Amino acid sequence: MTTTYAVLLRGINVGGHRKVPMAELRPLLEGMGHRDVRTYLQSGNAVFTTDADEPSDAELTTAIEDAIEQRFGFRVDCLVRDSAYLAAVADACPFPAAELEGKQLHVTYFSETVLPERLASIDQQAFLPEEFRLGDRALYLYAPDGLGRSKLAEALSRPALVKGIVATTRNWNTVVKLVEMTRD
C-alpha cells in the first residue's frame, strides 16, 4: 500500500532569495526513498509517493526540512499533506470556486488547527468584499482583486495572529492542481 503526499515549501524562490530549484528538490526527495516525485511551479510544491507504513506527516515534514537544510544550507518550513486531506480541503471550500478566477481564491494551509478566537480581532466587515473562512488546518480567502492587493491577507498575516504556526498560501489553481497530482 502506498500513499501520495504533497509537500508545500514556505517562502522559497521569492525575489531571488532562499533558492530551492525544483530540479534539485526532485532528486533530494528521491534520495530519501520517495517515488514518483513531481514538482509544480517554482514556488515549492512537490508530490511524491511512499509506503503507507512510512512515518507520520509530522515526521515526514521534519525529515524533508532537515534534508533541505543539509542540501541548501538553510531551513525551510514545510507542510506535508496526503491526497485525502488535500481533496477534503478543496471539497470543503465555502466559496463558489467554479465561478471565480484562480487568483481570487486562496487557501492558507496551517501546521495545526487554528481556532476562531485566534482571528477574532479581525473585523471582517471592514474588509468587504474580501472574506475568509476557517477550515480543517486551512483558511479560505476570497480576494476579488488578487492576493497582492488584498488588505485582508495583510491583516491575516500579522505576526501576532500566526505566531507559532507554519502557514503557507496557495492560489486556487494550485490547490486544484495538487489535488489532481495526488489523486490515487
N, C-alpha and C. Protein backbone atom coordinates (compact mmCIF):
# COMPACT_ATOMS: atom_id res chain seq x y z
N MET A 1 0.85 -1.20 0.00
CA MET A 1 0.00 0.00 0.00
C MET A 1 0.88 1.24 0.00
N THR A 2 0.56 2.18 -0.84
CA THR A 2 1.32 3.42 -0.91
C THR A 2 0.39 4.60 -0.65
N THR A 3 1.00 5.70 -0.26
CA THR A 3 0.26 6.93 -0.03
C THR A 3 0.94 8.03 -0.84
N THR A 4 0.13 8.89 -1.43
CA THR A 4 0.66 10.03 -2.18
C THR A 4 0.49 11.29 -1.34
N TYR A 5 1.56 12.05 -1.28
CA TYR A 5 1.61 13.28 -0.48
C TYR A 5 2.01 14.46 -1.35
N ALA A 6 1.67 15.64 -0.86
CA ALA A 6 2.24 16.88 -1.39
C ALA A 6 3.04 17.50 -0.27
N VAL A 7 4.19 18.04 -0.61
CA VAL A 7 4.95 18.83 0.35
C VAL A 7 4.91 20.27 -0.16
N LEU A 8 4.54 21.17 0.74
CA LEU A 8 4.42 22.59 0.43
C LEU A 8 5.54 23.32 1.16
N LEU A 9 6.45 23.89 0.41
CA LEU A 9 7.56 24.64 1.00
C LEU A 9 7.14 26.09 1.15
N ARG A 10 7.51 26.68 2.27
CA ARG A 10 7.11 28.05 2.57
C ARG A 10 8.25 29.02 2.29
N GLY A 11 7.93 30.09 1.55
CA GLY A 11 8.84 31.23 1.41
C GLY A 11 10.13 30.97 0.65
N ILE A 12 10.06 30.16 -0.41
CA ILE A 12 11.27 29.94 -1.20
C ILE A 12 11.12 30.61 -2.57
N ASN A 13 12.27 30.83 -3.22
CA ASN A 13 12.32 31.34 -4.59
C ASN A 13 11.54 32.65 -4.76
N VAL A 14 11.53 33.47 -3.73
CA VAL A 14 10.83 34.75 -3.79
C VAL A 14 11.89 35.85 -3.87
N GLY A 15 11.86 36.61 -4.92
CA GLY A 15 12.80 37.72 -5.07
C GLY A 15 14.26 37.28 -5.11
N GLY A 16 14.51 36.07 -5.58
CA GLY A 16 15.88 35.57 -5.69
C GLY A 16 16.50 35.10 -4.39
N HIS A 17 15.70 35.03 -3.33
CA HIS A 17 16.21 34.60 -2.04
C HIS A 17 15.75 33.18 -1.73
N ARG A 18 16.53 32.50 -0.88
CA ARG A 18 16.19 31.15 -0.42
C ARG A 18 15.83 30.25 -1.61
N LYS A 19 16.75 30.15 -2.53
CA LYS A 19 16.51 29.40 -3.76
C LYS A 19 16.56 27.90 -3.51
N VAL A 20 15.48 27.24 -3.90
CA VAL A 20 15.39 25.78 -3.89
C VAL A 20 14.86 25.40 -5.28
N PRO A 21 15.78 25.18 -6.23
CA PRO A 21 15.32 24.81 -7.57
C PRO A 21 14.57 23.48 -7.55
N MET A 22 13.45 23.45 -8.26
CA MET A 22 12.65 22.23 -8.28
C MET A 22 13.44 21.07 -8.92
N ALA A 23 14.33 21.39 -9.85
CA ALA A 23 15.16 20.35 -10.47
C ALA A 23 16.11 19.71 -9.46
N GLU A 24 16.39 20.39 -8.36
CA GLU A 24 17.23 19.83 -7.31
C GLU A 24 16.39 19.23 -6.18
N LEU A 25 15.16 19.71 -6.02
CA LEU A 25 14.28 19.16 -4.99
C LEU A 25 13.84 17.74 -5.35
N ARG A 26 13.58 17.49 -6.62
CA ARG A 26 13.14 16.15 -7.03
C ARG A 26 14.14 15.07 -6.64
N PRO A 27 15.42 15.18 -7.02
CA PRO A 27 16.36 14.13 -6.62
C PRO A 27 16.58 14.06 -5.10
N LEU A 28 16.43 15.18 -4.42
CA LEU A 28 16.57 15.17 -2.96
C LEU A 28 15.48 14.28 -2.35
N LEU A 29 14.24 14.45 -2.80
CA LEU A 29 13.13 13.63 -2.30
C LEU A 29 13.29 12.17 -2.70
N GLU A 30 13.76 11.94 -3.93
CA GLU A 30 14.01 10.56 -4.37
C GLU A 30 15.09 9.91 -3.53
N GLY A 31 16.11 10.67 -3.18
CA GLY A 31 17.19 10.17 -2.34
C GLY A 31 16.73 9.79 -0.94
N MET A 32 15.59 10.32 -0.54
CA MET A 32 15.01 9.99 0.77
C MET A 32 14.15 8.73 0.67
N GLY A 33 14.06 8.15 -0.54
CA GLY A 33 13.29 6.93 -0.72
C GLY A 33 11.89 7.13 -1.25
N HIS A 34 11.53 8.35 -1.59
CA HIS A 34 10.20 8.62 -2.14
C HIS A 34 10.20 8.34 -3.63
N ARG A 35 9.04 7.98 -4.14
CA ARG A 35 8.91 7.62 -5.55
C ARG A 35 7.93 8.57 -6.26
N ASP A 36 7.94 8.46 -7.59
CA ASP A 36 7.01 9.24 -8.42
C ASP A 36 7.04 10.73 -8.06
N VAL A 37 8.22 11.26 -7.83
CA VAL A 37 8.36 12.65 -7.41
C VAL A 37 8.13 13.57 -8.60
N ARG A 38 7.23 14.53 -8.40
CA ARG A 38 6.94 15.55 -9.40
C ARG A 38 6.85 16.89 -8.69
N THR A 39 7.18 17.93 -9.39
CA THR A 39 7.06 19.28 -8.82
C THR A 39 6.09 20.08 -9.66
N TYR A 40 5.58 21.14 -9.06
CA TYR A 40 4.65 22.02 -9.74
C TYR A 40 5.06 23.46 -9.46
N LEU A 41 5.30 24.19 -10.52
CA LEU A 41 5.74 25.58 -10.44
C LEU A 41 7.07 25.68 -9.70
N GLN A 42 7.55 26.88 -9.53
CA GLN A 42 8.82 27.11 -8.84
C GLN A 42 8.60 27.60 -7.41
N SER A 43 7.36 27.56 -6.96
CA SER A 43 7.03 28.14 -5.66
C SER A 43 7.00 27.12 -4.52
N GLY A 44 7.55 25.93 -4.76
CA GLY A 44 7.70 24.99 -3.66
C GLY A 44 6.57 24.01 -3.49
N ASN A 45 6.19 23.34 -4.55
CA ASN A 45 5.16 22.32 -4.48
C ASN A 45 5.73 21.04 -5.07
N ALA A 46 5.73 19.97 -4.30
CA ALA A 46 6.20 18.69 -4.81
C ALA A 46 5.22 17.61 -4.37
N VAL A 47 5.11 16.60 -5.19
CA VAL A 47 4.24 15.46 -4.92
C VAL A 47 5.10 14.22 -4.96
N PHE A 48 4.85 13.29 -4.05
CA PHE A 48 5.60 12.04 -4.04
C PHE A 48 4.75 10.92 -3.47
N THR A 49 5.17 9.71 -3.75
CA THR A 49 4.51 8.52 -3.25
C THR A 49 5.47 7.80 -2.32
N THR A 50 4.93 7.25 -1.26
CA THR A 50 5.76 6.50 -0.32
C THR A 50 4.92 5.38 0.28
N ASP A 51 5.57 4.45 0.94
CA ASP A 51 4.85 3.34 1.55
C ASP A 51 3.97 3.82 2.68
N ALA A 52 2.80 3.18 2.81
CA ALA A 52 1.83 3.59 3.83
C ALA A 52 2.37 3.42 5.25
N ASP A 53 3.35 2.54 5.44
CA ASP A 53 3.89 2.35 6.79
C ASP A 53 5.03 3.32 7.09
N GLU A 54 5.17 4.33 6.24
CA GLU A 54 6.17 5.36 6.46
C GLU A 54 5.78 6.20 7.68
N PRO A 55 6.64 7.09 8.10
CA PRO A 55 6.34 7.95 9.26
C PRO A 55 5.11 8.83 9.05
N SER A 56 4.69 9.47 10.12
CA SER A 56 3.54 10.38 10.09
C SER A 56 3.86 11.62 9.26
N ASP A 57 2.83 12.42 8.98
CA ASP A 57 3.03 13.68 8.26
C ASP A 57 4.07 14.55 8.96
N ALA A 58 4.00 14.60 10.28
CA ALA A 58 4.94 15.43 11.04
C ALA A 58 6.36 14.91 10.91
N GLU A 59 6.53 13.60 10.95
CA GLU A 59 7.87 13.02 10.81
C GLU A 59 8.40 13.21 9.39
N LEU A 60 7.52 13.06 8.40
CA LEU A 60 7.93 13.32 7.02
C LEU A 60 8.35 14.78 6.86
N THR A 61 7.58 15.68 7.45
CA THR A 61 7.88 17.11 7.37
C THR A 61 9.26 17.41 7.93
N THR A 62 9.54 16.91 9.12
CA THR A 62 10.84 17.15 9.76
C THR A 62 11.97 16.57 8.93
N ALA A 63 11.79 15.37 8.40
CA ALA A 63 12.83 14.74 7.59
C ALA A 63 13.11 15.56 6.33
N ILE A 64 12.07 16.08 5.69
CA ILE A 64 12.26 16.89 4.48
C ILE A 64 12.91 18.22 4.83
N GLU A 65 12.47 18.86 5.91
CA GLU A 65 13.10 20.12 6.34
C GLU A 65 14.58 19.92 6.63
N ASP A 66 14.91 18.81 7.31
CA ASP A 66 16.32 18.50 7.62
C ASP A 66 17.12 18.29 6.34
N ALA A 67 16.57 17.55 5.37
CA ALA A 67 17.27 17.26 4.12
C ALA A 67 17.49 18.54 3.32
N ILE A 68 16.49 19.42 3.30
CA ILE A 68 16.64 20.70 2.59
C ILE A 68 17.73 21.54 3.24
N GLU A 69 17.72 21.59 4.56
CA GLU A 69 18.75 22.37 5.27
C GLU A 69 20.15 21.82 4.97
N GLN A 70 20.28 20.52 4.98
CA GLN A 70 21.58 19.90 4.71
C GLN A 70 22.03 20.19 3.28
N ARG A 71 21.11 20.12 2.33
CA ARG A 71 21.46 20.30 0.91
C ARG A 71 21.67 21.76 0.54
N PHE A 72 20.81 22.67 1.03
CA PHE A 72 20.84 24.06 0.58
C PHE A 72 21.43 25.03 1.59
N GLY A 73 21.64 24.59 2.82
CA GLY A 73 22.29 25.44 3.81
C GLY A 73 21.36 26.36 4.58
N PHE A 74 20.07 26.21 4.43
CA PHE A 74 19.11 27.00 5.21
C PHE A 74 17.86 26.15 5.42
N ARG A 75 17.17 26.45 6.51
CA ARG A 75 15.97 25.69 6.86
C ARG A 75 14.75 26.31 6.19
N VAL A 76 13.87 25.45 5.69
CA VAL A 76 12.64 25.88 5.05
C VAL A 76 11.49 25.19 5.76
N ASP A 77 10.53 25.98 6.22
CA ASP A 77 9.32 25.39 6.80
C ASP A 77 8.55 24.67 5.69
N CYS A 78 8.08 23.48 6.02
CA CYS A 78 7.31 22.67 5.07
C CYS A 78 6.05 22.15 5.73
N LEU A 79 5.07 21.85 4.91
CA LEU A 79 3.88 21.13 5.35
C LEU A 79 3.71 19.94 4.42
N VAL A 80 3.50 18.76 4.99
CA VAL A 80 3.24 17.56 4.21
C VAL A 80 1.79 17.17 4.44
N ARG A 81 1.05 17.00 3.35
CA ARG A 81 -0.36 16.64 3.43
C ARG A 81 -0.65 15.52 2.45
N ASP A 82 -1.46 14.54 2.88
CA ASP A 82 -1.76 13.43 1.98
C ASP A 82 -2.89 13.80 1.03
N SER A 83 -3.08 12.94 0.03
CA SER A 83 -4.05 13.23 -1.03
C SER A 83 -5.47 13.38 -0.50
N ALA A 84 -5.84 12.57 0.49
CA ALA A 84 -7.21 12.64 1.04
C ALA A 84 -7.45 14.00 1.70
N TYR A 85 -6.47 14.49 2.45
CA TYR A 85 -6.61 15.79 3.10
C TYR A 85 -6.75 16.91 2.05
N LEU A 86 -5.88 16.89 1.04
CA LEU A 86 -5.92 17.93 0.02
C LEU A 86 -7.27 17.95 -0.69
N ALA A 87 -7.80 16.78 -1.01
CA ALA A 87 -9.12 16.70 -1.67
C ALA A 87 -10.22 17.20 -0.74
N ALA A 88 -10.13 16.85 0.54
CA ALA A 88 -11.15 17.29 1.51
C ALA A 88 -11.15 18.81 1.65
N VAL A 89 -9.97 19.43 1.67
CA VAL A 89 -9.89 20.89 1.76
C VAL A 89 -10.52 21.53 0.53
N ALA A 90 -10.23 21.00 -0.64
CA ALA A 90 -10.82 21.55 -1.87
C ALA A 90 -12.33 21.37 -1.87
N ASP A 91 -12.79 20.20 -1.47
CA ASP A 91 -14.23 19.92 -1.46
C ASP A 91 -14.99 20.78 -0.44
N ALA A 92 -14.32 21.17 0.63
CA ALA A 92 -14.98 21.93 1.69
C ALA A 92 -14.96 23.44 1.45
N CYS A 93 -14.46 23.88 0.32
CA CYS A 93 -14.36 25.32 0.05
C CYS A 93 -15.73 25.99 0.22
N PRO A 94 -15.81 27.00 1.08
CA PRO A 94 -17.09 27.67 1.33
C PRO A 94 -17.46 28.73 0.28
N PHE A 95 -16.57 28.97 -0.66
CA PHE A 95 -16.81 29.97 -1.69
C PHE A 95 -17.10 29.26 -3.02
N PRO A 96 -17.78 29.94 -3.94
CA PRO A 96 -18.13 29.32 -5.24
C PRO A 96 -16.92 29.26 -6.17
N ALA A 97 -16.01 28.34 -5.91
CA ALA A 97 -14.74 28.26 -6.63
C ALA A 97 -14.92 28.18 -8.14
N ALA A 98 -15.90 27.46 -8.60
CA ALA A 98 -16.11 27.29 -10.05
C ALA A 98 -16.48 28.60 -10.72
N GLU A 99 -16.96 29.56 -9.97
CA GLU A 99 -17.38 30.84 -10.53
C GLU A 99 -16.30 31.92 -10.43
N LEU A 100 -15.19 31.60 -9.78
CA LEU A 100 -14.15 32.59 -9.53
C LEU A 100 -12.90 32.29 -10.33
N GLU A 101 -12.09 33.32 -10.54
CA GLU A 101 -10.77 33.14 -11.14
C GLU A 101 -9.84 32.59 -10.05
N GLY A 102 -8.87 31.79 -10.48
CA GLY A 102 -7.93 31.19 -9.53
C GLY A 102 -7.20 32.20 -8.66
N LYS A 103 -6.96 33.39 -9.20
CA LYS A 103 -6.24 34.42 -8.43
C LYS A 103 -7.12 35.07 -7.35
N GLN A 104 -8.42 34.81 -7.40
CA GLN A 104 -9.34 35.42 -6.43
C GLN A 104 -9.54 34.57 -5.18
N LEU A 105 -9.18 33.33 -5.25
CA LEU A 105 -9.43 32.41 -4.15
C LEU A 105 -8.12 31.75 -3.74
N HIS A 106 -7.86 31.73 -2.44
CA HIS A 106 -6.62 31.18 -1.91
C HIS A 106 -6.90 30.30 -0.70
N VAL A 107 -6.01 29.36 -0.48
CA VAL A 107 -6.06 28.55 0.73
C VAL A 107 -4.72 28.71 1.43
N THR A 108 -4.79 29.05 2.71
CA THR A 108 -3.61 29.05 3.55
C THR A 108 -3.66 27.77 4.37
N TYR A 109 -2.65 26.95 4.21
CA TYR A 109 -2.55 25.70 4.96
C TYR A 109 -1.76 25.99 6.24
N PHE A 110 -2.23 25.45 7.36
CA PHE A 110 -1.60 25.66 8.66
C PHE A 110 -1.01 24.35 9.18
N SER A 111 0.00 24.47 10.00
CA SER A 111 0.62 23.29 10.61
C SER A 111 -0.24 22.69 11.71
N GLU A 112 -1.20 23.44 12.18
CA GLU A 112 -2.10 22.95 13.23
C GLU A 112 -3.45 23.63 13.11
N THR A 113 -4.40 23.16 13.88
CA THR A 113 -5.74 23.76 13.88
C THR A 113 -5.66 25.18 14.42
N VAL A 114 -6.33 26.09 13.74
CA VAL A 114 -6.42 27.47 14.19
C VAL A 114 -7.86 27.70 14.66
N LEU A 115 -8.00 28.03 15.92
CA LEU A 115 -9.33 28.27 16.48
C LEU A 115 -9.81 29.67 16.09
N PRO A 116 -11.12 29.83 15.92
CA PRO A 116 -11.66 31.14 15.51
C PRO A 116 -11.24 32.28 16.44
N GLU A 117 -11.07 31.98 17.72
CA GLU A 117 -10.69 33.03 18.67
C GLU A 117 -9.37 33.70 18.29
N ARG A 118 -8.50 32.95 17.65
CA ARG A 118 -7.20 33.49 17.27
C ARG A 118 -7.35 34.63 16.26
N LEU A 119 -8.40 34.58 15.45
CA LEU A 119 -8.62 35.59 14.42
C LEU A 119 -9.76 36.55 14.75
N ALA A 120 -10.24 36.47 15.97
CA ALA A 120 -11.41 37.27 16.39
C ALA A 120 -11.15 38.78 16.32
N SER A 121 -9.89 39.19 16.39
CA SER A 121 -9.59 40.62 16.36
C SER A 121 -9.77 41.23 14.97
N ILE A 122 -9.95 40.41 13.97
CA ILE A 122 -10.12 40.93 12.61
C ILE A 122 -11.60 41.22 12.36
N ASP A 123 -11.88 42.46 12.06
CA ASP A 123 -13.25 42.89 11.75
C ASP A 123 -13.50 42.60 10.27
N GLN A 124 -14.13 41.47 10.00
CA GLN A 124 -14.33 41.07 8.61
C GLN A 124 -15.14 42.10 7.82
N GLN A 125 -16.08 42.75 8.47
CA GLN A 125 -16.91 43.75 7.78
C GLN A 125 -16.05 44.88 7.20
N ALA A 126 -14.96 45.20 7.87
CA ALA A 126 -14.10 46.31 7.43
C ALA A 126 -13.37 45.99 6.13
N PHE A 127 -13.30 44.72 5.75
CA PHE A 127 -12.54 44.32 4.57
C PHE A 127 -13.41 43.90 3.39
N LEU A 128 -14.72 43.94 3.54
CA LEU A 128 -15.60 43.51 2.45
C LEU A 128 -15.29 44.27 1.18
N PRO A 129 -15.33 43.66 0.01
CA PRO A 129 -15.92 42.35 -0.27
C PRO A 129 -14.99 41.17 -0.01
N GLU A 130 -13.79 41.43 0.47
CA GLU A 130 -12.90 40.32 0.81
C GLU A 130 -13.47 39.57 2.02
N GLU A 131 -13.26 38.25 2.03
CA GLU A 131 -13.77 37.44 3.13
C GLU A 131 -12.82 36.28 3.39
N PHE A 132 -12.91 35.73 4.61
CA PHE A 132 -12.20 34.49 4.90
C PHE A 132 -13.08 33.58 5.73
N ARG A 133 -12.77 32.29 5.64
CA ARG A 133 -13.43 31.26 6.44
C ARG A 133 -12.37 30.26 6.88
N LEU A 134 -12.52 29.76 8.09
CA LEU A 134 -11.61 28.73 8.58
C LEU A 134 -12.11 27.35 8.19
N GLY A 135 -11.17 26.47 7.92
CA GLY A 135 -11.45 25.07 7.65
C GLY A 135 -10.55 24.19 8.50
N ASP A 136 -10.35 22.96 8.08
CA ASP A 136 -9.50 22.00 8.78
C ASP A 136 -8.03 22.31 8.52
N ARG A 137 -7.38 22.97 9.48
CA ARG A 137 -5.98 23.40 9.34
C ARG A 137 -5.78 24.20 8.06
N ALA A 138 -6.81 24.96 7.71
CA ALA A 138 -6.77 25.76 6.48
C ALA A 138 -7.63 27.01 6.65
N LEU A 139 -7.28 28.01 5.89
CA LEU A 139 -8.07 29.23 5.83
C LEU A 139 -8.34 29.52 4.36
N TYR A 140 -9.60 29.76 4.04
CA TYR A 140 -10.01 30.11 2.68
C TYR A 140 -10.13 31.61 2.60
N LEU A 141 -9.51 32.21 1.60
CA LEU A 141 -9.54 33.66 1.45
C LEU A 141 -10.08 34.02 0.07
N TYR A 142 -11.15 34.78 0.06
CA TYR A 142 -11.68 35.34 -1.17
C TYR A 142 -11.17 36.77 -1.27
N ALA A 143 -10.35 37.01 -2.28
CA ALA A 143 -9.78 38.34 -2.51
C ALA A 143 -10.04 38.69 -3.98
N PRO A 144 -11.15 39.39 -4.27
CA PRO A 144 -11.55 39.62 -5.65
C PRO A 144 -10.52 40.34 -6.51
N ASP A 145 -9.64 41.13 -5.91
CA ASP A 145 -8.60 41.84 -6.68
C ASP A 145 -7.25 41.13 -6.62
N GLY A 146 -7.22 39.92 -6.09
CA GLY A 146 -5.98 39.16 -6.02
C GLY A 146 -5.28 39.34 -4.69
N LEU A 147 -4.38 38.43 -4.41
CA LEU A 147 -3.68 38.41 -3.13
C LEU A 147 -2.76 39.62 -2.95
N GLY A 148 -2.11 40.04 -4.03
CA GLY A 148 -1.17 41.15 -3.96
C GLY A 148 -1.80 42.47 -3.54
N ARG A 149 -3.09 42.62 -3.77
CA ARG A 149 -3.79 43.86 -3.41
C ARG A 149 -4.70 43.69 -2.19
N SER A 150 -4.65 42.53 -1.58
CA SER A 150 -5.58 42.22 -0.50
C SER A 150 -5.15 42.82 0.84
N LYS A 151 -5.99 43.69 1.36
CA LYS A 151 -5.76 44.25 2.70
C LYS A 151 -6.07 43.21 3.77
N LEU A 152 -7.04 42.34 3.49
CA LEU A 152 -7.39 41.28 4.44
C LEU A 152 -6.24 40.28 4.57
N ALA A 153 -5.62 39.91 3.47
CA ALA A 153 -4.48 38.99 3.53
C ALA A 153 -3.36 39.59 4.38
N GLU A 154 -3.15 40.87 4.22
CA GLU A 154 -2.12 41.57 5.01
C GLU A 154 -2.46 41.50 6.50
N ALA A 155 -3.72 41.74 6.83
CA ALA A 155 -4.15 41.69 8.24
C ALA A 155 -4.03 40.28 8.81
N LEU A 156 -4.37 39.28 8.00
CA LEU A 156 -4.31 37.89 8.46
C LEU A 156 -2.88 37.40 8.68
N SER A 157 -1.92 38.04 8.05
CA SER A 157 -0.53 37.59 8.18
C SER A 157 0.25 38.32 9.28
N ARG A 158 -0.44 39.13 10.06
CA ARG A 158 0.24 39.82 11.17
C ARG A 158 0.89 38.79 12.09
N PRO A 159 2.11 39.04 12.52
CA PRO A 159 2.84 38.07 13.34
C PRO A 159 2.08 37.59 14.58
N ALA A 160 1.34 38.44 15.23
CA ALA A 160 0.61 38.03 16.43
C ALA A 160 -0.44 36.96 16.13
N LEU A 161 -1.00 36.99 14.93
CA LEU A 161 -2.05 36.04 14.58
C LEU A 161 -1.51 34.68 14.17
N VAL A 162 -0.31 34.65 13.61
CA VAL A 162 0.25 33.39 13.11
C VAL A 162 1.43 32.89 13.94
N LYS A 163 1.67 33.51 15.08
CA LYS A 163 2.80 33.13 15.92
C LYS A 163 2.74 31.65 16.28
N GLY A 164 3.87 30.96 16.05
CA GLY A 164 3.98 29.56 16.43
C GLY A 164 3.36 28.59 15.44
N ILE A 165 2.88 29.08 14.32
CA ILE A 165 2.23 28.23 13.33
C ILE A 165 2.96 28.38 11.99
N VAL A 166 3.19 27.27 11.32
CA VAL A 166 3.68 27.34 9.95
C VAL A 166 2.45 27.52 9.06
N ALA A 167 2.51 28.51 8.20
CA ALA A 167 1.40 28.80 7.29
C ALA A 167 1.97 29.08 5.91
N THR A 168 1.34 28.52 4.90
CA THR A 168 1.75 28.78 3.53
C THR A 168 0.51 28.81 2.65
N THR A 169 0.48 29.76 1.73
CA THR A 169 -0.71 30.03 0.94
C THR A 169 -0.52 29.61 -0.51
N ARG A 170 -1.60 29.07 -1.08
CA ARG A 170 -1.62 28.69 -2.50
C ARG A 170 -2.89 29.24 -3.13
N ASN A 171 -2.78 29.69 -4.39
CA ASN A 171 -3.98 30.14 -5.08
C ASN A 171 -4.81 28.92 -5.48
N TRP A 172 -6.06 29.17 -5.87
CA TRP A 172 -6.97 28.07 -6.13
C TRP A 172 -6.50 27.19 -7.27
N ASN A 173 -5.87 27.76 -8.29
CA ASN A 173 -5.36 26.94 -9.38
C ASN A 173 -4.36 25.91 -8.86
N THR A 174 -3.49 26.32 -7.95
CA THR A 174 -2.51 25.40 -7.39
C THR A 174 -3.18 24.38 -6.48
N VAL A 175 -4.17 24.81 -5.70
CA VAL A 175 -4.92 23.88 -4.84
C VAL A 175 -5.50 22.75 -5.69
N VAL A 176 -6.15 23.12 -6.78
CA VAL A 176 -6.78 22.13 -7.66
C VAL A 176 -5.72 21.23 -8.31
N LYS A 177 -4.64 21.82 -8.77
CA LYS A 177 -3.58 21.04 -9.42
C LYS A 177 -2.96 20.03 -8.46
N LEU A 178 -2.75 20.42 -7.21
CA LEU A 178 -2.18 19.49 -6.23
C LEU A 178 -3.14 18.34 -5.93
N VAL A 179 -4.42 18.63 -5.91
CA VAL A 179 -5.42 17.56 -5.74
C VAL A 179 -5.31 16.59 -6.91
N GLU A 180 -5.25 17.12 -8.12
CA GLU A 180 -5.13 16.27 -9.31
C GLU A 180 -3.85 15.44 -9.27
N MET A 181 -2.74 16.06 -8.91
CA MET A 181 -1.45 15.37 -8.91
C MET A 181 -1.36 14.28 -7.85
N THR A 182 -2.08 14.43 -6.76
CA THR A 182 -2.01 13.44 -5.67
C THR A 182 -3.11 12.41 -5.73
N ARG A 183 -4.03 12.56 -6.66
CA ARG A 183 -5.13 11.61 -6.77
C ARG A 183 -4.60 10.22 -7.05
N ASP A 184 -5.04 9.26 -6.28
CA ASP A 184 -4.55 7.88 -6.45
C ASP A 184 -5.11 7.24 -7.71
